[in-house]
């Protein structure tokens, strides 16, 4: 067996990334709508945080599938935006109304 055999993982990764984008997009959309309805800065920050996480997944998928860049760069992009997104989400949980 070749050490480079992928066991069908690329298609599974694409499927998981697609679900991440759909679910992350929905969370971002609904939290943004809630922030508009209530005027809550905490909900706005929550929407922004989930937006960063979702965009990170999108950019990682695009760079991995469509752009010939090292996988380490793809992982760095996704990890950086995920970290930033989670930092904003943590902030949103402590933001004063």
N, C-alpha and C. Protein backbone atom coordinates (compact mmCIF):
# COMPACT_ATOMS: atom_id res chain seq x y z
N UNK A 1 0.84 -1.17 0.00
CA UNK A 1 0.00 0.00 0.00
C UNK A 1 0.89 1.24 0.00
N UNK A 2 0.58 2.18 -0.84
CA UNK A 2 1.37 3.40 -0.96
C UNK A 2 1.17 4.28 0.27
N UNK A 3 2.22 4.93 0.76
CA UNK A 3 2.06 5.83 1.91
C UNK A 3 1.27 7.08 1.55
N UNK A 4 1.04 7.31 0.26
CA UNK A 4 0.30 8.50 -0.17
C UNK A 4 -1.16 8.19 -0.49
N UNK A 5 -1.60 6.99 -0.21
CA UNK A 5 -2.99 6.63 -0.46
C UNK A 5 -3.88 7.45 0.46
N UNK A 6 -4.88 8.13 -0.09
CA UNK A 6 -5.64 9.09 0.70
C UNK A 6 -6.90 8.52 1.36
N UNK A 7 -7.22 7.27 1.12
CA UNK A 7 -8.38 6.62 1.75
C UNK A 7 -9.68 7.39 1.53
N UNK A 8 -9.78 8.15 0.45
CA UNK A 8 -11.00 8.90 0.17
C UNK A 8 -11.18 10.13 1.05
N UNK A 9 -10.15 10.51 1.77
CA UNK A 9 -10.27 11.63 2.70
C UNK A 9 -10.51 12.98 2.05
N UNK A 10 -9.91 13.28 0.89
CA UNK A 10 -10.19 14.60 0.31
C UNK A 10 -11.68 14.87 0.12
N UNK A 11 -12.43 13.90 -0.35
CA UNK A 11 -13.86 14.14 -0.53
C UNK A 11 -14.56 14.30 0.81
N UNK A 12 -14.13 13.59 1.83
CA UNK A 12 -14.71 13.76 3.17
C UNK A 12 -14.37 15.14 3.72
N UNK A 13 -13.15 15.59 3.50
CA UNK A 13 -12.76 16.92 3.98
C UNK A 13 -13.58 18.00 3.28
N UNK A 14 -13.78 17.86 1.99
CA UNK A 14 -14.60 18.83 1.24
C UNK A 14 -16.03 18.82 1.79
N UNK A 15 -16.57 17.65 2.07
CA UNK A 15 -17.92 17.55 2.63
C UNK A 15 -18.00 18.23 4.00
N UNK A 16 -17.01 17.97 4.86
CA UNK A 16 -17.01 18.60 6.18
C UNK A 16 -16.83 20.11 6.08
N UNK A 17 -15.96 20.56 5.20
CA UNK A 17 -15.76 22.00 5.02
C UNK A 17 -17.05 22.66 4.51
N UNK A 18 -17.74 21.99 3.61
CA UNK A 18 -19.00 22.52 3.09
C UNK A 18 -20.02 22.65 4.22
N UNK A 19 -20.12 21.64 5.06
CA UNK A 19 -21.04 21.70 6.19
C UNK A 19 -20.61 22.80 7.18
N UNK A 20 -19.32 22.95 7.39
CA UNK A 20 -18.82 24.01 8.26
C UNK A 20 -19.22 25.38 7.73
N UNK A 21 -19.08 25.56 6.42
CA UNK A 21 -19.46 26.84 5.81
C UNK A 21 -20.96 27.09 5.93
N UNK A 22 -21.76 26.08 5.66
CA UNK A 22 -23.21 26.25 5.76
C UNK A 22 -23.65 26.54 7.19
N UNK A 23 -23.19 25.74 8.13
CA UNK A 23 -23.60 25.94 9.53
C UNK A 23 -23.00 27.22 10.11
N UNK A 24 -21.73 27.48 9.81
CA UNK A 24 -21.11 28.72 10.28
C UNK A 24 -21.78 29.95 9.69
N UNK A 25 -22.15 29.84 8.43
CA UNK A 25 -22.87 30.94 7.78
C UNK A 25 -24.23 31.19 8.43
N UNK A 26 -24.93 30.11 8.76
CA UNK A 26 -26.23 30.25 9.42
C UNK A 26 -26.09 30.86 10.81
N UNK A 27 -25.10 30.40 11.57
CA UNK A 27 -24.88 30.97 12.91
C UNK A 27 -24.54 32.46 12.79
N UNK A 28 -23.68 32.79 11.85
CA UNK A 28 -23.31 34.19 11.64
C UNK A 28 -24.53 35.02 11.26
N UNK A 29 -25.33 34.53 10.33
CA UNK A 29 -26.52 35.24 9.86
C UNK A 29 -27.52 35.45 10.99
N UNK A 30 -27.84 34.39 11.73
CA UNK A 30 -28.85 34.51 12.77
C UNK A 30 -28.37 35.38 13.94
N UNK A 31 -27.10 35.30 14.29
CA UNK A 31 -26.61 36.16 15.37
C UNK A 31 -26.55 37.62 14.91
N UNK A 32 -26.26 37.84 13.63
CA UNK A 32 -26.29 39.22 13.10
C UNK A 32 -27.71 39.77 13.12
N UNK A 33 -28.66 38.96 12.67
CA UNK A 33 -30.07 39.38 12.71
C UNK A 33 -30.52 39.70 14.12
N UNK A 34 -30.13 38.85 15.06
CA UNK A 34 -30.49 39.08 16.46
C UNK A 34 -29.86 40.37 16.97
N UNK A 35 -28.63 40.66 16.55
CA UNK A 35 -27.98 41.89 17.01
C UNK A 35 -28.69 43.11 16.43
N UNK A 36 -29.17 43.01 15.20
CA UNK A 36 -29.90 44.13 14.59
C UNK A 36 -31.25 44.33 15.28
N UNK A 37 -31.91 43.22 15.60
CA UNK A 37 -33.22 43.29 16.24
C UNK A 37 -33.13 43.86 17.65
N UNK A 38 -32.10 43.47 18.39
CA UNK A 38 -31.99 43.88 19.79
C UNK A 38 -31.06 45.07 20.01
N UNK A 39 -30.20 45.35 19.03
CA UNK A 39 -29.22 46.41 19.19
C UNK A 39 -28.08 46.01 20.12
N UNK A 40 -27.92 44.72 20.36
CA UNK A 40 -26.93 44.23 21.31
C UNK A 40 -25.53 44.20 20.70
N UNK A 41 -24.58 44.93 21.31
CA UNK A 41 -23.20 44.86 20.84
C UNK A 41 -22.59 43.47 21.05
N UNK A 42 -23.02 42.78 22.09
CA UNK A 42 -22.51 41.42 22.35
C UNK A 42 -22.91 40.48 21.23
N UNK A 43 -24.14 40.57 20.76
CA UNK A 43 -24.57 39.71 19.65
C UNK A 43 -23.87 40.10 18.35
N UNK A 44 -23.60 41.39 18.18
CA UNK A 44 -22.87 41.82 16.99
C UNK A 44 -21.45 41.23 17.02
N UNK A 45 -20.80 41.29 18.19
CA UNK A 45 -19.47 40.70 18.32
C UNK A 45 -19.50 39.19 18.10
N UNK A 46 -20.56 38.54 18.57
CA UNK A 46 -20.71 37.10 18.35
C UNK A 46 -20.80 36.80 16.86
N UNK A 47 -21.58 37.59 16.13
CA UNK A 47 -21.70 37.41 14.68
C UNK A 47 -20.35 37.61 13.99
N UNK A 48 -19.63 38.62 14.41
CA UNK A 48 -18.31 38.89 13.81
C UNK A 48 -17.36 37.73 14.10
N UNK A 49 -17.37 37.23 15.32
CA UNK A 49 -16.50 36.11 15.69
C UNK A 49 -16.78 34.88 14.86
N UNK A 50 -18.06 34.51 14.75
CA UNK A 50 -18.40 33.36 13.93
C UNK A 50 -18.11 33.62 12.45
N UNK A 51 -18.21 34.88 12.05
CA UNK A 51 -17.86 35.23 10.67
C UNK A 51 -16.39 34.96 10.39
N UNK A 52 -15.52 35.32 11.32
CA UNK A 52 -14.08 35.04 11.15
C UNK A 52 -13.80 33.54 11.06
N UNK A 53 -14.44 32.77 11.94
CA UNK A 53 -14.24 31.32 11.92
C UNK A 53 -14.71 30.74 10.58
N UNK A 54 -15.86 31.20 10.11
CA UNK A 54 -16.42 30.70 8.85
C UNK A 54 -15.56 31.12 7.66
N UNK A 55 -15.11 32.35 7.63
CA UNK A 55 -14.25 32.82 6.55
C UNK A 55 -12.92 32.06 6.56
N UNK A 56 -12.42 31.74 7.75
CA UNK A 56 -11.20 30.94 7.84
C UNK A 56 -11.36 29.58 7.19
N UNK A 57 -12.49 28.94 7.43
CA UNK A 57 -12.76 27.65 6.80
C UNK A 57 -12.89 27.80 5.29
N UNK A 58 -13.55 28.86 4.85
CA UNK A 58 -13.70 29.11 3.41
C UNK A 58 -12.34 29.33 2.75
N UNK A 59 -11.53 30.21 3.32
CA UNK A 59 -10.22 30.49 2.72
C UNK A 59 -9.32 29.27 2.72
N UNK A 60 -9.39 28.47 3.79
CA UNK A 60 -8.59 27.25 3.84
C UNK A 60 -9.01 26.29 2.73
N UNK A 61 -10.31 26.15 2.53
CA UNK A 61 -10.80 25.27 1.47
C UNK A 61 -10.41 25.77 0.09
N UNK A 62 -10.54 27.07 -0.13
CA UNK A 62 -10.21 27.65 -1.44
C UNK A 62 -8.71 27.50 -1.72
N UNK A 63 -7.88 27.82 -0.73
CA UNK A 63 -6.44 27.72 -0.98
C UNK A 63 -6.00 26.27 -1.16
N UNK A 64 -6.66 25.36 -0.45
CA UNK A 64 -6.28 23.95 -0.57
C UNK A 64 -6.71 23.35 -1.90
N UNK A 65 -7.91 23.69 -2.38
CA UNK A 65 -8.44 23.06 -3.58
C UNK A 65 -8.04 23.80 -4.86
N UNK A 66 -8.07 25.13 -4.84
CA UNK A 66 -7.92 25.88 -6.08
C UNK A 66 -6.57 26.59 -6.27
N UNK A 67 -5.82 26.75 -5.21
CA UNK A 67 -4.56 27.48 -5.31
C UNK A 67 -3.44 26.55 -4.86
N UNK A 68 -2.38 26.53 -5.61
CA UNK A 68 -1.27 25.64 -5.30
C UNK A 68 -0.35 26.29 -4.26
N UNK A 69 -0.72 26.11 -2.99
CA UNK A 69 0.09 26.63 -1.89
C UNK A 69 0.40 25.47 -0.94
N UNK A 70 1.45 25.60 -0.17
CA UNK A 70 1.76 24.54 0.79
C UNK A 70 0.62 24.36 1.81
N UNK A 71 0.39 23.12 2.21
CA UNK A 71 -0.66 22.84 3.18
C UNK A 71 -0.43 23.58 4.49
N UNK A 72 0.83 23.84 4.82
CA UNK A 72 1.13 24.57 6.05
C UNK A 72 0.57 26.00 6.00
N UNK A 73 0.59 26.62 4.82
CA UNK A 73 0.00 27.96 4.68
C UNK A 73 -1.51 27.89 4.82
N UNK A 74 -2.11 26.89 4.23
CA UNK A 74 -3.56 26.70 4.35
C UNK A 74 -3.95 26.55 5.82
N UNK A 75 -3.21 25.71 6.54
CA UNK A 75 -3.50 25.50 7.96
C UNK A 75 -3.26 26.77 8.78
N UNK A 76 -2.23 27.53 8.42
CA UNK A 76 -1.94 28.78 9.14
C UNK A 76 -3.07 29.80 8.94
N UNK A 77 -3.59 29.91 7.72
CA UNK A 77 -4.70 30.82 7.44
C UNK A 77 -5.91 30.43 8.28
N UNK A 78 -6.27 29.14 8.20
CA UNK A 78 -7.45 28.69 8.93
C UNK A 78 -7.26 28.84 10.44
N UNK A 79 -6.11 28.45 10.94
CA UNK A 79 -5.86 28.53 12.38
C UNK A 79 -5.86 29.98 12.88
N UNK A 80 -5.27 30.87 12.11
CA UNK A 80 -5.23 32.28 12.49
C UNK A 80 -6.62 32.89 12.56
N UNK A 81 -7.43 32.64 11.54
CA UNK A 81 -8.78 33.21 11.53
C UNK A 81 -9.67 32.54 12.57
N UNK A 82 -9.47 31.26 12.81
CA UNK A 82 -10.24 30.58 13.85
C UNK A 82 -9.88 31.15 15.23
N UNK A 83 -8.60 31.35 15.47
CA UNK A 83 -8.16 31.93 16.74
C UNK A 83 -8.74 33.33 16.93
N UNK A 84 -8.66 34.15 15.89
CA UNK A 84 -9.23 35.50 15.95
C UNK A 84 -10.73 35.44 16.20
N UNK A 85 -11.42 34.56 15.49
CA UNK A 85 -12.86 34.41 15.66
C UNK A 85 -13.23 34.00 17.07
N UNK A 86 -12.51 33.03 17.62
CA UNK A 86 -12.81 32.58 18.97
C UNK A 86 -12.50 33.68 19.99
N UNK A 87 -11.46 34.47 19.76
CA UNK A 87 -11.16 35.59 20.65
C UNK A 87 -12.32 36.59 20.66
N UNK A 88 -12.88 36.88 19.50
CA UNK A 88 -14.02 37.80 19.42
C UNK A 88 -15.25 37.17 20.07
N UNK A 89 -15.44 35.88 19.90
CA UNK A 89 -16.58 35.20 20.55
C UNK A 89 -16.43 35.28 22.07
N UNK A 90 -15.23 35.03 22.59
CA UNK A 90 -15.00 35.15 24.03
C UNK A 90 -15.31 36.57 24.48
N UNK A 91 -14.83 37.54 23.74
CA UNK A 91 -15.14 38.94 24.07
C UNK A 91 -16.65 39.17 24.10
N UNK A 92 -17.36 38.60 23.14
CA UNK A 92 -18.81 38.82 23.07
C UNK A 92 -19.53 38.28 24.31
N UNK A 93 -18.96 37.25 24.91
CA UNK A 93 -19.58 36.66 26.09
C UNK A 93 -19.39 37.52 27.34
N UNK A 94 -18.41 38.43 27.30
CA UNK A 94 -18.13 39.29 28.43
C UNK A 94 -18.44 40.76 28.15
N UNK A 95 -18.90 41.07 26.95
CA UNK A 95 -19.19 42.45 26.59
C UNK A 95 -20.34 42.99 27.44
N UNK A 96 -20.20 44.22 27.85
CA UNK A 96 -21.26 44.86 28.62
C UNK A 96 -22.30 45.43 27.67
N UNK A 97 -23.54 45.25 28.03
CA UNK A 97 -24.66 45.76 27.20
C UNK A 97 -24.77 47.25 27.32
